[in-house]
N, C-alpha and C. Protein backbone atom coordinates (compact mmCIF):
# COMPACT_ATOMS: atom_id res chain seq x y z
N UNK A 1 48.73 28.15 -1.75
CA UNK A 1 47.73 27.15 -1.38
C UNK A 1 47.88 25.93 -2.28
N UNK A 2 47.91 24.75 -1.65
CA UNK A 2 48.04 23.51 -2.40
C UNK A 2 46.70 23.15 -3.04
N UNK A 3 46.66 22.90 -4.33
CA UNK A 3 45.39 22.54 -4.99
C UNK A 3 44.81 21.25 -4.40
N UNK A 4 43.50 21.21 -4.33
CA UNK A 4 42.86 20.00 -3.84
C UNK A 4 42.99 18.89 -4.87
N UNK A 5 43.12 17.67 -4.39
CA UNK A 5 43.23 16.51 -5.28
C UNK A 5 41.87 16.22 -5.91
N UNK A 6 41.85 15.51 -7.04
CA UNK A 6 40.57 15.15 -7.66
C UNK A 6 39.66 14.37 -6.71
N UNK A 7 40.24 13.50 -5.89
CA UNK A 7 39.41 12.72 -4.97
C UNK A 7 38.75 13.60 -3.93
N UNK A 8 39.48 14.61 -3.46
CA UNK A 8 38.90 15.55 -2.48
C UNK A 8 37.79 16.36 -3.14
N UNK A 9 38.02 16.84 -4.35
CA UNK A 9 37.00 17.59 -5.06
C UNK A 9 35.74 16.75 -5.29
N UNK A 10 35.94 15.47 -5.63
CA UNK A 10 34.80 14.59 -5.85
C UNK A 10 34.01 14.38 -4.56
N UNK A 11 34.70 14.25 -3.45
CA UNK A 11 34.01 14.07 -2.18
C UNK A 11 33.25 15.33 -1.79
N UNK A 12 33.79 16.48 -2.05
CA UNK A 12 33.09 17.73 -1.77
C UNK A 12 31.85 17.86 -2.63
N UNK A 13 31.94 17.47 -3.90
CA UNK A 13 30.78 17.50 -4.78
C UNK A 13 29.71 16.52 -4.29
N UNK A 14 30.14 15.35 -3.85
CA UNK A 14 29.19 14.36 -3.36
C UNK A 14 28.44 14.87 -2.13
N UNK A 15 29.18 15.49 -1.21
CA UNK A 15 28.55 16.01 0.00
C UNK A 15 27.61 17.17 -0.32
N UNK A 16 28.02 18.01 -1.24
CA UNK A 16 27.19 19.14 -1.63
C UNK A 16 25.89 18.67 -2.26
N UNK A 17 25.97 17.69 -3.16
CA UNK A 17 24.77 17.15 -3.79
C UNK A 17 23.88 16.48 -2.75
N UNK A 18 24.47 15.76 -1.81
CA UNK A 18 23.68 15.09 -0.76
C UNK A 18 22.91 16.10 0.06
N UNK A 19 23.53 17.23 0.40
CA UNK A 19 22.83 18.25 1.18
C UNK A 19 21.65 18.83 0.39
N UNK A 20 21.85 19.04 -0.90
CA UNK A 20 20.77 19.56 -1.73
C UNK A 20 19.62 18.57 -1.83
N UNK A 21 19.93 17.29 -1.97
CA UNK A 21 18.89 16.27 -2.09
C UNK A 21 18.13 16.12 -0.77
N UNK A 22 18.84 16.17 0.34
CA UNK A 22 18.17 16.09 1.65
C UNK A 22 17.28 17.30 1.87
N UNK A 23 17.75 18.48 1.48
CA UNK A 23 16.95 19.69 1.63
C UNK A 23 15.69 19.63 0.76
N UNK A 24 15.82 19.05 -0.43
CA UNK A 24 14.66 18.91 -1.32
C UNK A 24 13.59 18.04 -0.69
N UNK A 25 13.99 16.90 -0.15
CA UNK A 25 13.05 15.99 0.50
C UNK A 25 12.36 16.69 1.67
N UNK A 26 13.13 17.39 2.47
CA UNK A 26 12.57 18.07 3.64
C UNK A 26 11.57 19.15 3.24
N UNK A 27 11.97 20.03 2.35
CA UNK A 27 11.14 21.18 2.02
C UNK A 27 9.87 20.81 1.26
N UNK A 28 9.98 19.92 0.30
CA UNK A 28 8.79 19.53 -0.45
C UNK A 28 7.86 18.71 0.45
N UNK A 29 8.42 17.93 1.36
CA UNK A 29 7.59 17.24 2.32
C UNK A 29 6.86 18.19 3.25
N UNK A 30 7.50 19.31 3.57
CA UNK A 30 6.90 20.29 4.49
C UNK A 30 5.92 21.23 3.78
N UNK A 31 6.30 21.73 2.59
CA UNK A 31 5.55 22.82 1.97
C UNK A 31 4.93 22.49 0.62
N UNK A 32 5.30 21.36 0.03
CA UNK A 32 4.79 21.03 -1.29
C UNK A 32 5.71 21.50 -2.41
N UNK A 33 5.43 21.00 -3.60
CA UNK A 33 6.30 21.27 -4.75
C UNK A 33 6.24 22.72 -5.20
N UNK A 34 5.04 23.24 -5.41
CA UNK A 34 4.91 24.59 -5.95
C UNK A 34 5.44 25.65 -4.99
N UNK A 35 5.28 25.42 -3.69
CA UNK A 35 5.69 26.41 -2.70
C UNK A 35 7.19 26.37 -2.40
N UNK A 36 7.89 25.39 -2.96
CA UNK A 36 9.33 25.25 -2.72
C UNK A 36 10.10 25.71 -3.94
N UNK A 37 10.99 26.66 -3.75
CA UNK A 37 11.81 27.16 -4.86
C UNK A 37 13.22 26.58 -4.78
N UNK A 38 13.93 26.68 -5.90
CA UNK A 38 15.32 26.25 -5.90
C UNK A 38 16.16 27.08 -4.92
N UNK A 39 15.80 28.33 -4.77
CA UNK A 39 16.50 29.18 -3.81
C UNK A 39 16.27 28.69 -2.39
N UNK A 40 15.03 28.27 -2.09
CA UNK A 40 14.73 27.71 -0.78
C UNK A 40 15.59 26.49 -0.49
N UNK A 41 15.70 25.64 -1.50
CA UNK A 41 16.47 24.41 -1.34
C UNK A 41 17.94 24.73 -1.09
N UNK A 42 18.49 25.65 -1.88
CA UNK A 42 19.89 26.03 -1.69
C UNK A 42 20.12 26.63 -0.30
N UNK A 43 19.19 27.47 0.15
CA UNK A 43 19.33 28.07 1.48
C UNK A 43 19.29 27.01 2.57
N UNK A 44 18.36 26.05 2.47
CA UNK A 44 18.27 25.01 3.48
C UNK A 44 19.54 24.15 3.50
N UNK A 45 20.11 23.92 2.32
CA UNK A 45 21.32 23.10 2.22
C UNK A 45 22.58 23.87 2.57
N UNK A 46 22.47 25.20 2.72
CA UNK A 46 23.66 26.01 2.99
C UNK A 46 24.59 26.08 1.80
N UNK A 47 23.99 26.09 0.60
CA UNK A 47 24.79 26.09 -0.63
C UNK A 47 24.51 27.36 -1.43
N UNK A 48 25.44 27.68 -2.32
CA UNK A 48 25.23 28.80 -3.23
C UNK A 48 24.05 28.49 -4.14
N UNK A 49 23.22 29.49 -4.44
CA UNK A 49 22.00 29.23 -5.20
C UNK A 49 22.28 28.73 -6.61
N UNK A 50 23.37 29.17 -7.20
CA UNK A 50 23.69 28.71 -8.54
C UNK A 50 24.13 27.25 -8.58
N UNK A 51 24.45 26.70 -7.41
CA UNK A 51 24.94 25.32 -7.37
C UNK A 51 23.84 24.33 -7.72
N UNK A 52 22.60 24.66 -7.38
CA UNK A 52 21.49 23.75 -7.70
C UNK A 52 21.38 23.56 -9.20
N UNK A 53 21.39 24.64 -9.93
CA UNK A 53 21.28 24.56 -11.40
C UNK A 53 22.53 23.94 -12.02
N UNK A 54 23.66 24.06 -11.35
CA UNK A 54 24.90 23.46 -11.85
C UNK A 54 24.80 21.94 -11.83
N UNK A 55 24.22 21.40 -10.77
CA UNK A 55 24.13 19.95 -10.62
C UNK A 55 22.88 19.34 -11.26
N UNK A 56 21.78 20.09 -11.30
CA UNK A 56 20.50 19.53 -11.75
C UNK A 56 19.86 20.46 -12.77
N UNK A 57 19.32 19.91 -13.87
CA UNK A 57 18.78 20.76 -14.93
C UNK A 57 17.45 21.44 -14.57
N UNK A 58 16.78 21.01 -13.53
CA UNK A 58 15.52 21.63 -13.15
C UNK A 58 14.98 21.06 -11.85
N UNK A 59 13.92 21.67 -11.35
CA UNK A 59 13.37 21.25 -10.05
C UNK A 59 12.77 19.85 -10.12
N UNK A 60 12.12 19.51 -11.23
CA UNK A 60 11.52 18.19 -11.34
C UNK A 60 12.58 17.10 -11.32
N UNK A 61 13.68 17.32 -12.02
CA UNK A 61 14.77 16.35 -12.02
C UNK A 61 15.40 16.25 -10.64
N UNK A 62 15.53 17.38 -9.97
CA UNK A 62 16.07 17.40 -8.61
C UNK A 62 15.17 16.59 -7.68
N UNK A 63 13.86 16.77 -7.81
CA UNK A 63 12.93 16.04 -6.94
C UNK A 63 13.02 14.54 -7.18
N UNK A 64 13.00 14.13 -8.44
CA UNK A 64 13.07 12.68 -8.70
C UNK A 64 14.36 12.09 -8.15
N UNK A 65 15.46 12.77 -8.35
CA UNK A 65 16.74 12.27 -7.82
C UNK A 65 16.69 12.19 -6.30
N UNK A 66 16.12 13.22 -5.67
CA UNK A 66 16.04 13.25 -4.20
C UNK A 66 15.19 12.12 -3.67
N UNK A 67 14.05 11.85 -4.31
CA UNK A 67 13.17 10.79 -3.82
C UNK A 67 13.78 9.42 -4.11
N UNK A 68 14.40 9.25 -5.26
CA UNK A 68 15.06 7.99 -5.53
C UNK A 68 16.19 7.73 -4.53
N UNK A 69 16.88 8.78 -4.13
CA UNK A 69 17.92 8.61 -3.10
C UNK A 69 17.29 8.19 -1.78
N UNK A 70 16.20 8.84 -1.41
CA UNK A 70 15.51 8.49 -0.17
C UNK A 70 15.05 7.03 -0.22
N UNK A 71 14.45 6.62 -1.34
CA UNK A 71 13.98 5.24 -1.48
C UNK A 71 15.15 4.25 -1.42
N UNK A 72 16.24 4.59 -2.09
CA UNK A 72 17.42 3.73 -2.08
C UNK A 72 17.97 3.58 -0.66
N UNK A 73 18.08 4.67 0.07
CA UNK A 73 18.63 4.63 1.41
C UNK A 73 17.71 3.88 2.37
N UNK A 74 16.40 4.10 2.26
CA UNK A 74 15.45 3.41 3.12
C UNK A 74 15.43 1.92 2.81
N UNK A 75 15.45 1.58 1.54
CA UNK A 75 15.46 0.17 1.17
C UNK A 75 16.73 -0.51 1.66
N UNK A 76 17.87 0.13 1.51
CA UNK A 76 19.12 -0.44 1.98
C UNK A 76 19.10 -0.63 3.49
N UNK A 77 18.56 0.35 4.20
CA UNK A 77 18.49 0.25 5.67
C UNK A 77 17.64 -0.93 6.10
N UNK A 78 16.50 -1.11 5.46
CA UNK A 78 15.59 -2.19 5.84
C UNK A 78 16.18 -3.55 5.46
N UNK A 79 16.78 -3.64 4.29
CA UNK A 79 17.35 -4.92 3.87
C UNK A 79 18.51 -5.35 4.75
N UNK A 80 19.24 -4.38 5.30
CA UNK A 80 20.45 -4.70 6.06
C UNK A 80 20.23 -4.76 7.56
N UNK A 81 19.01 -4.49 8.02
CA UNK A 81 18.78 -4.47 9.46
C UNK A 81 18.94 -5.87 10.05
N UNK A 82 19.31 -5.90 11.32
CA UNK A 82 19.47 -7.16 12.02
C UNK A 82 18.12 -7.66 12.53
N UNK A 83 17.94 -8.97 12.61
CA UNK A 83 18.87 -10.01 12.16
C UNK A 83 18.87 -10.15 10.64
N UNK A 84 20.04 -10.30 10.06
CA UNK A 84 20.14 -10.46 8.62
C UNK A 84 19.60 -11.83 8.24
N UNK A 85 18.72 -11.90 7.26
CA UNK A 85 18.15 -13.19 6.85
C UNK A 85 19.20 -14.10 6.22
N UNK A 86 19.10 -15.36 6.54
CA UNK A 86 20.04 -16.35 6.00
C UNK A 86 19.27 -17.60 5.62
N UNK A 87 19.92 -18.46 4.86
CA UNK A 87 19.33 -19.74 4.51
C UNK A 87 18.36 -19.66 3.36
N UNK A 88 17.57 -20.74 3.22
CA UNK A 88 16.68 -20.86 2.08
C UNK A 88 15.58 -19.80 2.06
N UNK A 89 15.18 -19.31 3.23
CA UNK A 89 14.08 -18.36 3.31
C UNK A 89 14.54 -16.90 3.22
N UNK A 90 15.84 -16.68 3.06
CA UNK A 90 16.37 -15.31 3.07
C UNK A 90 15.76 -14.46 1.95
N UNK A 91 15.62 -15.02 0.77
CA UNK A 91 15.09 -14.26 -0.35
C UNK A 91 13.66 -13.81 -0.13
N UNK A 92 12.84 -14.66 0.49
CA UNK A 92 11.46 -14.30 0.75
C UNK A 92 11.38 -13.19 1.80
N UNK A 93 12.23 -13.27 2.82
CA UNK A 93 12.27 -12.22 3.84
C UNK A 93 12.72 -10.89 3.24
N UNK A 94 13.72 -10.92 2.38
CA UNK A 94 14.21 -9.69 1.77
C UNK A 94 13.15 -9.05 0.87
N UNK A 95 12.43 -9.86 0.11
CA UNK A 95 11.38 -9.32 -0.74
C UNK A 95 10.27 -8.70 0.11
N UNK A 96 9.92 -9.35 1.21
CA UNK A 96 8.91 -8.80 2.11
C UNK A 96 9.38 -7.46 2.68
N UNK A 97 10.63 -7.38 3.06
CA UNK A 97 11.17 -6.12 3.58
C UNK A 97 11.13 -5.02 2.51
N UNK A 98 11.45 -5.39 1.27
CA UNK A 98 11.44 -4.39 0.19
C UNK A 98 10.04 -3.84 -0.02
N UNK A 99 9.05 -4.70 -0.06
CA UNK A 99 7.67 -4.26 -0.22
C UNK A 99 7.27 -3.34 0.93
N UNK A 100 7.61 -3.73 2.15
CA UNK A 100 7.26 -2.93 3.32
C UNK A 100 7.96 -1.57 3.31
N UNK A 101 9.20 -1.54 2.83
CA UNK A 101 9.94 -0.27 2.80
C UNK A 101 9.26 0.74 1.88
N UNK A 102 8.85 0.31 0.70
CA UNK A 102 8.24 1.24 -0.25
C UNK A 102 6.85 1.64 0.19
N UNK A 103 6.05 0.69 0.65
CA UNK A 103 4.72 1.04 1.16
C UNK A 103 4.83 1.95 2.38
N UNK A 104 5.88 1.75 3.18
CA UNK A 104 6.08 2.60 4.35
C UNK A 104 6.34 4.05 3.98
N UNK A 105 7.07 4.27 2.90
CA UNK A 105 7.31 5.64 2.46
C UNK A 105 6.02 6.30 1.98
N UNK A 106 5.17 5.54 1.28
CA UNK A 106 3.89 6.09 0.85
C UNK A 106 3.02 6.44 2.06
N UNK A 107 3.07 5.61 3.07
CA UNK A 107 2.27 5.85 4.27
C UNK A 107 2.80 7.02 5.10
N UNK A 108 4.13 7.09 5.24
CA UNK A 108 4.73 8.05 6.16
C UNK A 108 5.07 9.40 5.53
N UNK A 109 5.22 9.44 4.20
CA UNK A 109 5.59 10.68 3.51
C UNK A 109 4.64 10.92 2.33
N UNK A 110 3.34 11.03 2.61
CA UNK A 110 2.37 11.08 1.52
C UNK A 110 2.54 12.26 0.58
N UNK A 111 2.81 13.45 1.10
CA UNK A 111 2.94 14.63 0.22
C UNK A 111 4.13 14.46 -0.72
N UNK A 112 5.24 14.03 -0.16
CA UNK A 112 6.44 13.87 -0.96
C UNK A 112 6.25 12.79 -2.03
N UNK A 113 5.72 11.64 -1.65
CA UNK A 113 5.57 10.54 -2.60
C UNK A 113 4.49 10.83 -3.63
N UNK A 114 3.42 11.52 -3.25
CA UNK A 114 2.39 11.90 -4.21
C UNK A 114 2.97 12.85 -5.27
N UNK A 115 3.79 13.80 -4.82
CA UNK A 115 4.41 14.74 -5.75
C UNK A 115 5.37 14.01 -6.68
N UNK A 116 6.10 13.07 -6.14
CA UNK A 116 7.04 12.28 -6.94
C UNK A 116 6.30 11.50 -8.02
N UNK A 117 5.24 10.81 -7.65
CA UNK A 117 4.49 10.01 -8.62
C UNK A 117 3.84 10.90 -9.67
N UNK A 118 3.33 12.05 -9.26
CA UNK A 118 2.72 12.98 -10.22
C UNK A 118 3.75 13.43 -11.25
N UNK A 119 4.97 13.67 -10.80
CA UNK A 119 6.02 14.08 -11.73
C UNK A 119 6.36 13.01 -12.74
N UNK A 120 6.39 11.75 -12.30
CA UNK A 120 6.68 10.65 -13.21
C UNK A 120 5.61 10.54 -14.30
N UNK A 121 4.37 10.86 -13.95
CA UNK A 121 3.26 10.73 -14.89
C UNK A 121 3.08 11.94 -15.80
N UNK A 122 3.93 12.96 -15.64
CA UNK A 122 3.87 14.14 -16.50
C UNK A 122 4.78 13.94 -17.71
N UNK A 123 4.91 15.01 -18.49
CA UNK A 123 5.70 14.93 -19.72
C UNK A 123 7.16 14.59 -19.47
N UNK A 124 7.69 14.97 -18.27
CA UNK A 124 9.10 14.68 -18.00
C UNK A 124 9.35 13.18 -17.90
N UNK A 125 8.35 12.44 -17.41
CA UNK A 125 8.46 10.99 -17.34
C UNK A 125 9.45 10.52 -16.28
N UNK A 126 9.89 9.30 -16.47
CA UNK A 126 10.75 8.60 -15.52
C UNK A 126 12.20 8.93 -15.81
N UNK A 127 12.89 9.50 -14.85
CA UNK A 127 14.27 9.94 -15.04
C UNK A 127 15.22 8.90 -14.44
N UNK A 128 16.09 8.34 -15.28
CA UNK A 128 17.02 7.31 -14.82
C UNK A 128 18.34 7.96 -14.38
N UNK A 129 18.32 8.51 -13.19
CA UNK A 129 19.50 9.14 -12.61
C UNK A 129 20.32 8.09 -11.86
N UNK A 130 21.55 8.42 -11.43
CA UNK A 130 22.35 7.45 -10.67
C UNK A 130 21.66 6.92 -9.43
N UNK A 131 20.89 7.76 -8.74
CA UNK A 131 20.18 7.29 -7.55
C UNK A 131 19.11 6.27 -7.92
N UNK A 132 18.43 6.49 -9.03
CA UNK A 132 17.43 5.51 -9.48
C UNK A 132 18.12 4.20 -9.84
N UNK A 133 19.30 4.26 -10.42
CA UNK A 133 20.01 3.05 -10.78
C UNK A 133 20.47 2.27 -9.55
N UNK A 134 20.83 2.99 -8.48
CA UNK A 134 21.17 2.31 -7.23
C UNK A 134 19.95 1.62 -6.64
N UNK A 135 18.82 2.30 -6.67
CA UNK A 135 17.57 1.70 -6.21
C UNK A 135 17.24 0.47 -7.04
N UNK A 136 17.37 0.58 -8.35
CA UNK A 136 17.08 -0.55 -9.24
C UNK A 136 17.99 -1.73 -8.93
N UNK A 137 19.25 -1.46 -8.66
CA UNK A 137 20.19 -2.55 -8.37
C UNK A 137 19.78 -3.30 -7.11
N UNK A 138 19.31 -2.59 -6.09
CA UNK A 138 18.87 -3.24 -4.87
C UNK A 138 17.64 -4.11 -5.13
N UNK A 139 16.67 -3.59 -5.88
CA UNK A 139 15.47 -4.35 -6.16
C UNK A 139 15.79 -5.55 -7.05
N UNK A 140 16.69 -5.37 -8.00
CA UNK A 140 17.07 -6.47 -8.88
C UNK A 140 17.78 -7.57 -8.09
N UNK A 141 18.63 -7.17 -7.17
CA UNK A 141 19.30 -8.15 -6.32
C UNK A 141 18.29 -8.87 -5.43
N UNK A 142 17.28 -8.14 -4.98
CA UNK A 142 16.27 -8.74 -4.11
C UNK A 142 15.49 -9.83 -4.84
N UNK A 143 15.06 -9.56 -6.08
CA UNK A 143 14.31 -10.59 -6.81
C UNK A 143 15.23 -11.76 -7.18
N UNK A 144 16.52 -11.49 -7.35
CA UNK A 144 17.47 -12.57 -7.60
C UNK A 144 17.56 -13.47 -6.38
N UNK A 145 17.69 -12.85 -5.20
CA UNK A 145 17.74 -13.62 -3.95
C UNK A 145 16.44 -14.37 -3.71
N UNK A 146 15.34 -13.82 -4.17
CA UNK A 146 14.03 -14.46 -4.03
C UNK A 146 13.96 -15.74 -4.87
N UNK A 147 14.77 -15.80 -5.92
CA UNK A 147 14.80 -17.00 -6.74
C UNK A 147 14.41 -16.79 -8.18
N UNK A 148 14.41 -15.53 -8.64
CA UNK A 148 14.00 -15.24 -10.01
C UNK A 148 14.97 -15.87 -11.01
N UNK A 149 14.39 -16.42 -12.07
CA UNK A 149 15.20 -16.94 -13.18
C UNK A 149 15.44 -15.88 -14.24
N UNK A 150 14.70 -14.78 -14.16
CA UNK A 150 14.85 -13.66 -15.10
C UNK A 150 14.80 -12.37 -14.29
N UNK A 151 15.89 -12.03 -13.58
CA UNK A 151 15.87 -10.89 -12.66
C UNK A 151 15.48 -9.56 -13.30
N UNK A 152 15.89 -9.33 -14.53
CA UNK A 152 15.57 -8.05 -15.16
C UNK A 152 14.06 -7.92 -15.38
N UNK A 153 13.44 -8.94 -15.94
CA UNK A 153 12.00 -8.89 -16.18
C UNK A 153 11.23 -8.85 -14.86
N UNK A 154 11.68 -9.64 -13.88
CA UNK A 154 10.96 -9.68 -12.60
C UNK A 154 11.17 -8.41 -11.79
N UNK A 155 12.34 -7.78 -11.96
CA UNK A 155 12.55 -6.48 -11.32
C UNK A 155 11.58 -5.45 -11.89
N UNK A 156 11.42 -5.44 -13.21
CA UNK A 156 10.52 -4.47 -13.84
C UNK A 156 9.07 -4.70 -13.40
N UNK A 157 8.68 -5.97 -13.26
CA UNK A 157 7.33 -6.26 -12.79
C UNK A 157 7.16 -5.81 -11.34
N UNK A 158 8.13 -6.11 -10.49
CA UNK A 158 8.05 -5.68 -9.09
C UNK A 158 7.98 -4.16 -9.01
N UNK A 159 8.79 -3.47 -9.80
CA UNK A 159 8.76 -2.00 -9.81
C UNK A 159 7.38 -1.50 -10.19
N UNK A 160 6.79 -2.10 -11.22
CA UNK A 160 5.46 -1.67 -11.66
C UNK A 160 4.41 -1.93 -10.58
N UNK A 161 4.49 -3.07 -9.92
CA UNK A 161 3.53 -3.39 -8.86
C UNK A 161 3.68 -2.44 -7.68
N UNK A 162 4.91 -2.12 -7.33
CA UNK A 162 5.14 -1.20 -6.21
C UNK A 162 4.67 0.21 -6.56
N UNK A 163 4.95 0.66 -7.78
CA UNK A 163 4.48 1.98 -8.19
C UNK A 163 2.96 2.04 -8.17
N UNK A 164 2.32 0.97 -8.66
CA UNK A 164 0.87 0.94 -8.63
C UNK A 164 0.32 0.97 -7.21
N UNK A 165 0.98 0.26 -6.31
CA UNK A 165 0.54 0.25 -4.92
C UNK A 165 0.70 1.62 -4.28
N UNK A 166 1.80 2.30 -4.57
CA UNK A 166 2.01 3.65 -4.03
C UNK A 166 0.93 4.59 -4.52
N UNK A 167 0.61 4.53 -5.81
CA UNK A 167 -0.45 5.38 -6.36
C UNK A 167 -1.78 5.06 -5.67
N UNK A 168 -2.06 3.79 -5.44
CA UNK A 168 -3.32 3.41 -4.80
C UNK A 168 -3.40 3.93 -3.38
N UNK A 169 -2.29 3.92 -2.65
CA UNK A 169 -2.27 4.45 -1.28
C UNK A 169 -2.55 5.95 -1.29
N UNK A 170 -2.03 6.64 -2.29
CA UNK A 170 -2.04 8.11 -2.30
C UNK A 170 -3.14 8.70 -3.17
N UNK A 171 -3.98 7.88 -3.79
CA UNK A 171 -4.98 8.38 -4.71
C UNK A 171 -5.97 9.31 -4.00
N UNK A 172 -6.00 10.59 -4.37
CA UNK A 172 -6.91 11.52 -3.69
C UNK A 172 -8.38 11.11 -3.84
N UNK A 173 -9.08 11.07 -2.76
CA UNK A 173 -10.50 10.76 -2.79
C UNK A 173 -10.84 9.29 -2.76
N UNK A 174 -9.90 8.41 -3.09
CA UNK A 174 -10.19 6.98 -3.10
C UNK A 174 -8.95 6.16 -2.74
N UNK A 175 -8.29 6.51 -1.63
CA UNK A 175 -7.08 5.77 -1.26
C UNK A 175 -7.39 4.36 -0.77
N UNK A 176 -6.43 3.46 -0.95
CA UNK A 176 -6.54 2.13 -0.39
C UNK A 176 -5.62 2.01 0.81
N UNK A 177 -6.00 1.18 1.75
CA UNK A 177 -5.18 0.98 2.95
C UNK A 177 -3.89 0.26 2.59
N UNK A 178 -2.75 0.73 3.08
CA UNK A 178 -1.49 0.03 2.80
C UNK A 178 -1.52 -1.43 3.22
N UNK A 179 -2.25 -1.75 4.31
CA UNK A 179 -2.30 -3.13 4.77
C UNK A 179 -2.97 -4.04 3.74
N UNK A 180 -4.03 -3.55 3.09
CA UNK A 180 -4.71 -4.34 2.07
C UNK A 180 -3.81 -4.56 0.87
N UNK A 181 -3.11 -3.52 0.45
CA UNK A 181 -2.20 -3.66 -0.68
C UNK A 181 -1.04 -4.58 -0.35
N UNK A 182 -0.56 -4.49 0.88
CA UNK A 182 0.50 -5.40 1.33
C UNK A 182 0.02 -6.84 1.25
N UNK A 183 -1.20 -7.09 1.70
CA UNK A 183 -1.74 -8.44 1.66
C UNK A 183 -1.80 -8.97 0.23
N UNK A 184 -2.21 -8.11 -0.71
CA UNK A 184 -2.29 -8.52 -2.11
C UNK A 184 -0.91 -8.82 -2.69
N UNK A 185 0.06 -7.97 -2.39
CA UNK A 185 1.41 -8.20 -2.89
C UNK A 185 2.03 -9.43 -2.27
N UNK A 186 1.81 -9.63 -0.99
CA UNK A 186 2.35 -10.82 -0.32
C UNK A 186 1.72 -12.08 -0.90
N UNK A 187 0.42 -12.03 -1.20
CA UNK A 187 -0.24 -13.18 -1.82
C UNK A 187 0.35 -13.43 -3.20
N UNK A 188 0.58 -12.37 -3.95
CA UNK A 188 1.14 -12.50 -5.30
C UNK A 188 2.49 -13.22 -5.29
N UNK A 189 3.30 -12.95 -4.27
CA UNK A 189 4.63 -13.54 -4.21
C UNK A 189 4.73 -14.71 -3.22
N UNK A 190 3.60 -15.14 -2.68
CA UNK A 190 3.61 -16.28 -1.77
C UNK A 190 4.36 -16.04 -0.48
N UNK A 191 4.24 -14.82 0.06
CA UNK A 191 4.96 -14.45 1.28
C UNK A 191 4.03 -14.53 2.48
N UNK A 192 4.55 -15.04 3.58
CA UNK A 192 3.78 -15.09 4.83
C UNK A 192 3.65 -13.70 5.41
N UNK A 193 2.51 -13.42 6.01
CA UNK A 193 2.23 -12.11 6.60
C UNK A 193 3.27 -11.70 7.64
N UNK A 194 3.83 -12.68 8.34
CA UNK A 194 4.76 -12.39 9.43
C UNK A 194 6.14 -11.95 8.94
N UNK A 195 6.41 -12.10 7.65
CA UNK A 195 7.71 -11.69 7.12
C UNK A 195 7.79 -10.18 7.04
N UNK A 196 9.01 -9.66 6.87
CA UNK A 196 9.21 -8.22 6.71
C UNK A 196 8.90 -7.45 7.96
N UNK A 197 8.13 -6.38 7.79
CA UNK A 197 7.75 -5.50 8.91
C UNK A 197 6.23 -5.45 8.99
N UNK A 198 5.59 -6.52 9.47
CA UNK A 198 4.12 -6.59 9.44
C UNK A 198 3.48 -5.49 10.28
N UNK A 199 2.43 -4.83 9.74
CA UNK A 199 1.76 -3.76 10.47
C UNK A 199 0.79 -4.28 11.52
N UNK A 200 0.52 -5.59 11.54
CA UNK A 200 -0.39 -6.16 12.52
C UNK A 200 -0.18 -7.65 12.62
N UNK A 201 -0.94 -8.30 13.48
CA UNK A 201 -0.76 -9.72 13.70
C UNK A 201 -1.32 -10.58 12.59
N UNK A 202 -2.24 -10.06 11.79
CA UNK A 202 -2.90 -10.86 10.77
C UNK A 202 -3.29 -10.00 9.58
N UNK A 203 -3.46 -10.59 8.42
CA UNK A 203 -3.84 -9.82 7.22
C UNK A 203 -5.23 -9.20 7.40
N UNK A 204 -5.52 -8.12 6.68
CA UNK A 204 -6.84 -7.51 6.74
C UNK A 204 -7.92 -8.50 6.34
N UNK A 205 -9.02 -8.47 7.08
CA UNK A 205 -10.14 -9.32 6.73
C UNK A 205 -10.06 -10.72 7.27
N UNK A 206 -8.97 -11.03 8.00
CA UNK A 206 -8.82 -12.38 8.55
C UNK A 206 -8.87 -12.30 10.06
N UNK A 207 -9.30 -13.34 10.69
CA UNK A 207 -9.31 -13.43 12.15
C UNK A 207 -8.86 -14.81 12.55
N UNK A 208 -8.38 -14.90 13.75
CA UNK A 208 -7.88 -16.18 14.24
C UNK A 208 -9.02 -17.03 14.78
């Protein structure tokens, strides 16, 4: 048997990790964090059970990586959808799309995103995995396109504002409507309501 090349082995590892991350998102979204075991995730991914521990040091790290991958992929999809923004207003449209993408995940995947945010606020804290770095690069590029003179500082502020908005959407017992938070973020960045993926014809509390 001819040994596999390093590039083939790397591609197999990438596909294996992707299946595990997709299975994590699916199962925790369906059953919650505590009810999902690493064995469940391996079974859903069709992988050997020891492979999960080989790639990831624990379930919390696996979850953060899985959600950061989901956020990165969703953000990339929204930013690249047609028609692609061009011209002077492109940066404002891209920032609006980015805000809508993250708020959309909080709205559409509440159990998963609530579990993710809870993990960040525990002792494990914020894990800077490769998927998180890809997500950060997209957001940093977005604020650059928006016109930031200090992309690193403005990326960190945008990240903090988005995380706060996600927590507000998902806060048990006192959630805020995503539309209201969208209106506040759009006002903060001077974005028109019609940009991005507007949930309605007008901002909350306004009438024509």
